[in-house]
Amino acid sequence: MSLYRILRFIVKGLFNLIYRIEVKGIENIPQDEGALICPNHYTWADPVLVAIVTPRPIRFMAKYEAFSNPISRYLLKKLGAFPVRRGEPDLNAIKTALKLLKDGHLLGLFPQGTRVKGEDLGKAHSGVALLSIKSNKKVIPVYIGGSYIPFTRMKVYFGKPIDFSSYYKDKLSGEDYLRLSQIVIEKIKELKEGGINDGDTSC
């Protein structure tokens, strides 16, 4: 992960020159445990912004097509990313994600599964709750706000952990996972509206 740290240092310096970055709730990120880092997503720069303000490395899923080019594949792997086939169940990506979480890594995952523009944060896919429950790890909702116009303010607000552990031994349906994943979107909306509540959020 040395390349990750080098690039993070360089890109963080560039972003701090271009934007006024406001970060809140950084203390909500666990220091030495696995967790899902789940921001809203509306542009390609979102994972970069979240990564440079997060003290620990984040392992992001990246679309399978991005690994087709040898150069991008090399860089993505060095940066800790791993491929996922979108629009279909990808068991290899799920297994990789669960192992990373259980090994204590931070996993970056956009709950909507794709970019959503406008004020509406969209609907969550079932993967967030599924990975959280199967790994027994908490979800950190993250709100990204701002236009990415140079010299304007960008917001990155980390919410309190969402704890789905009460469902760990339950047999859940696809609809159950969708319903629970939507809770993450609702928590991101609360962060957007200006609230970072005290204490863990148990669901």
Protein backbone atom coordinates (compact mmCIF):
# COMPACT_ATOMS: atom_id res chain seq x y z
CA MET A 1 0.00 0.00 0.00
CA SER A 2 3.05 2.30 -0.19
CA LEU A 3 1.93 3.69 -3.57
CA TYR A 4 -1.45 4.43 -1.99
CA ARG A 5 0.20 6.52 0.73
CA ILE A 6 2.45 8.37 -1.72
CA LEU A 7 -0.41 9.23 -4.07
CA ARG A 8 -2.67 10.13 -1.16
CA PHE A 9 -0.06 12.61 0.08
CA ILE A 10 0.32 14.21 -3.37
CA VAL A 11 -3.39 14.33 -4.20
CA LYS A 12 -4.30 15.62 -0.75
CA GLY A 13 -1.92 18.55 -1.27
CA LEU A 14 -3.48 19.31 -4.66
CA PHE A 15 -7.04 19.11 -3.35
CA ASN A 16 -6.21 21.38 -0.43
CA LEU A 17 -4.89 23.95 -2.91
CA ILE A 18 -8.00 23.75 -5.08
CA TYR A 19 -10.76 23.35 -2.47
CA ARG A 20 -11.64 24.37 1.06
CA ILE A 21 -12.35 20.93 2.52
CA GLU A 22 -14.54 20.77 5.61
CA VAL A 23 -14.36 17.43 7.43
CA LYS A 24 -16.58 16.45 10.35
CA GLY A 25 -17.00 13.24 12.31
CA ILE A 26 -13.56 11.80 11.53
CA GLU A 27 -13.59 10.27 15.02
CA ASN A 28 -16.39 7.96 13.88
CA ILE A 29 -13.95 5.93 11.78
CA PRO A 30 -12.70 2.92 13.77
CA GLN A 31 -8.96 3.01 14.35
CA ASP A 32 -8.20 -0.69 14.03
CA GLU A 33 -11.37 -2.53 13.00
CA GLY A 34 -13.01 -3.32 9.71
CA ALA A 35 -15.93 -1.14 8.61
CA LEU A 36 -17.83 -0.11 5.52
CA ILE A 37 -17.28 3.51 4.46
CA CYS A 38 -20.44 4.44 2.53
CA PRO A 39 -20.64 7.88 0.85
CA ASN A 40 -23.18 9.28 -1.57
CA HIS A 41 -21.84 9.31 -5.11
CA TYR A 42 -22.29 11.86 -7.88
CA THR A 43 -18.92 12.24 -9.61
CA TRP A 44 -15.70 10.35 -10.29
CA ALA A 45 -13.82 12.43 -7.69
CA ASP A 46 -15.88 11.18 -4.73
CA PRO A 47 -13.70 8.18 -3.83
CA VAL A 48 -10.60 10.36 -4.14
CA LEU A 49 -11.99 13.01 -1.80
CA VAL A 50 -13.06 10.45 0.82
CA ALA A 51 -9.72 8.63 0.61
CA ILE A 52 -7.56 11.71 1.17
CA VAL A 53 -9.44 12.80 4.31
CA THR A 54 -9.61 9.33 5.85
CA PRO A 55 -6.60 8.51 8.06
CA ARG A 56 -6.62 4.82 7.15
CA PRO A 57 -6.43 3.32 3.63
CA ILE A 58 -9.76 2.44 2.05
CA ARG A 59 -10.21 -0.55 -0.26
CA PHE A 60 -12.70 0.40 -2.95
CA MET A 61 -14.61 -1.78 -5.37
CA ALA A 62 -14.05 -0.66 -8.98
CA LYS A 63 -16.03 -1.62 -12.05
CA TYR A 64 -14.66 -4.69 -13.81
CA GLU A 65 -14.12 -2.80 -17.07
CA ALA A 66 -11.53 -0.55 -15.45
CA PHE A 67 -9.26 -3.59 -15.05
CA SER A 68 -9.22 -4.41 -18.77
CA ASN A 69 -6.34 -2.01 -19.44
CA PRO A 70 -2.98 -3.35 -18.13
CA ILE A 71 -1.82 0.06 -16.88
CA SER A 72 -5.04 0.92 -15.06
CA ARG A 73 -5.24 -2.65 -13.72
CA TYR A 74 -1.73 -2.32 -12.25
CA LEU A 75 -2.48 1.06 -10.66
CA LEU A 76 -5.86 0.00 -9.28
CA LYS A 77 -4.41 -3.12 -7.68
CA LYS A 78 -1.53 -1.12 -6.18
CA LEU A 79 -4.10 1.28 -4.76
CA GLY A 80 -5.95 -1.60 -3.15
CA ALA A 81 -8.98 -1.63 -5.45
CA PHE A 82 -10.60 -4.85 -6.63
CA PRO A 83 -13.02 -5.55 -9.50
CA VAL A 84 -16.77 -6.02 -9.32
CA ARG A 85 -19.14 -6.90 -12.15
CA ARG A 86 -22.00 -4.44 -11.96
CA GLY A 87 -25.58 -5.42 -12.66
CA GLU A 88 -25.11 -9.06 -11.67
CA PRO A 89 -24.30 -11.06 -8.52
CA ASP A 90 -20.49 -11.19 -8.32
CA LEU A 91 -19.56 -13.87 -5.79
CA ASN A 92 -15.82 -13.26 -6.16
CA ALA A 93 -16.23 -9.57 -5.31
CA ILE A 94 -18.47 -10.43 -2.35
CA LYS A 95 -15.94 -12.96 -1.02
CA THR A 96 -13.10 -10.47 -1.42
CA ALA A 97 -15.09 -7.74 0.35
CA LEU A 98 -16.02 -10.02 3.26
CA LYS A 99 -12.43 -11.15 3.72
CA LEU A 100 -11.17 -7.57 3.73
CA LEU A 101 -13.74 -6.57 6.34
CA LYS A 102 -13.02 -9.57 8.54
CA ASP A 103 -9.28 -8.86 8.26
CA GLY A 104 -9.86 -5.38 9.66
CA HIS A 105 -9.75 -3.24 6.51
CA LEU A 106 -11.96 -0.29 5.61
CA LEU A 107 -14.12 -1.07 2.60
CA GLY A 108 -15.39 1.79 0.44
CA LEU A 109 -18.81 1.12 -1.02
CA PHE A 110 -21.33 3.49 -2.60
CA PRO A 111 -24.77 2.38 -1.36
CA GLN A 112 -26.50 3.53 -4.56
CA GLY A 113 -24.13 1.40 -6.65
CA THR A 114 -23.71 4.17 -9.23
CA ARG A 115 -23.59 7.96 -9.56
CA VAL A 116 -26.75 9.82 -8.62
CA LYS A 117 -26.95 13.50 -9.55
CA GLY A 118 -29.27 16.13 -8.12
CA GLU A 119 -30.71 16.61 -4.66
CA ASP A 120 -32.19 13.13 -4.42
CA LEU A 121 -29.67 10.62 -3.06
CA GLY A 122 -31.44 7.76 -4.80
CA LYS A 123 -32.17 4.24 -3.66
CA ALA A 124 -29.71 1.87 -2.02
CA HIS A 125 -28.74 -1.51 -3.40
CA SER A 126 -28.87 -4.49 -1.07
CA GLY A 127 -25.09 -4.98 -0.94
CA VAL A 128 -24.36 -2.59 1.91
CA ALA A 129 -26.55 -4.34 4.47
CA LEU A 130 -25.59 -7.78 3.16
CA LEU A 131 -21.85 -7.16 3.57
CA SER A 132 -22.31 -5.47 6.94
CA ILE A 133 -24.43 -8.30 8.35
CA LYS A 134 -22.40 -11.17 6.88
CA SER A 135 -19.13 -9.68 8.15
CA ASN A 136 -20.66 -8.39 11.41
CA LYS A 137 -19.02 -5.00 10.77
CA LYS A 138 -20.53 -1.53 11.12
CA VAL A 139 -21.39 0.95 8.39
CA ILE A 140 -20.09 4.53 8.46
CA PRO A 141 -22.43 6.77 6.43
CA VAL A 142 -20.66 9.63 4.69
CA TYR A 143 -22.10 12.77 3.14
CA ILE A 144 -20.17 14.47 0.34
CA GLY A 145 -21.40 17.96 -0.50
CA GLY A 146 -20.19 20.65 -2.86
CA SER A 147 -19.83 21.37 -6.54
CA TYR A 148 -16.12 20.53 -7.07
CA ILE A 149 -15.78 23.99 -8.59
CA PRO A 150 -12.24 25.21 -7.82
CA PHE A 151 -11.81 27.36 -4.70
CA THR A 152 -15.22 26.44 -3.29
CA ARG A 153 -15.97 24.47 -0.15
CA MET A 154 -16.33 20.70 -0.21
CA LYS A 155 -17.93 18.89 2.72
CA VAL A 156 -17.14 15.39 3.95
CA TYR A 157 -19.21 14.41 6.99
CA PHE A 158 -18.73 11.00 8.62
CA GLY A 159 -21.76 9.86 10.58
CA LYS A 160 -22.00 7.63 13.61
CA PRO A 161 -21.60 3.88 12.94
CA ILE A 162 -24.72 1.99 11.93
CA ASP A 163 -24.88 -1.36 13.68
CA PHE A 164 -26.76 -4.19 11.96
CA SER A 165 -25.36 -6.88 14.29
CA SER A 166 -28.82 -7.75 15.66
CA TYR A 167 -29.55 -9.34 12.25
CA TYR A 168 -26.34 -11.40 12.17
CA LYS A 169 -28.03 -14.79 12.71
CA ASP A 170 -31.32 -13.99 10.98
CA LYS A 171 -32.42 -15.40 7.65
CA LEU A 172 -33.11 -12.32 5.56
CA SER A 173 -34.68 -11.93 2.15
CA GLY A 174 -33.51 -9.69 -0.66
CA GLU A 175 -36.22 -7.23 0.30
CA ASP A 176 -34.94 -7.19 3.88
CA TYR A 177 -31.43 -6.30 2.70
CA LEU A 178 -32.81 -3.55 0.48
CA ARG A 179 -34.84 -2.11 3.35
CA LEU A 180 -31.88 -2.13 5.72
CA SER A 181 -29.53 -0.68 3.11
CA GLN A 182 -31.95 2.21 2.60
CA ILE A 183 -31.36 3.14 6.24
CA VAL A 184 -27.81 4.08 5.20
CA ILE A 185 -29.20 6.48 2.59
CA GLU A 186 -31.48 8.01 5.21
CA LYS A 187 -28.53 8.56 7.56
CA ILE A 188 -26.61 10.24 4.74
CA LYS A 189 -29.60 12.53 4.21
CA GLU A 190 -29.49 13.44 7.91
CA LEU A 191 -25.81 14.35 7.56
CA LYS A 192 -26.67 16.46 4.53
CA GLU A 193 -29.21 18.34 6.60
CA GLY A 194 -26.58 19.14 9.20
CA GLY A 195 -26.78 16.49 11.89
CA ILE A 196 -24.05 14.31 13.39
CA ASN A 197 -25.70 12.53 16.28
CA ASP A 198 -24.00 11.15 19.37
CA GLY A 199 -23.69 7.42 19.94
CA ASP A 200 -23.87 4.36 17.72
CA THR A 201 -26.96 3.79 15.60
CA SER A 202 -28.38 0.32 16.15
CA CYS A 203 -30.92 -1.01 13.69
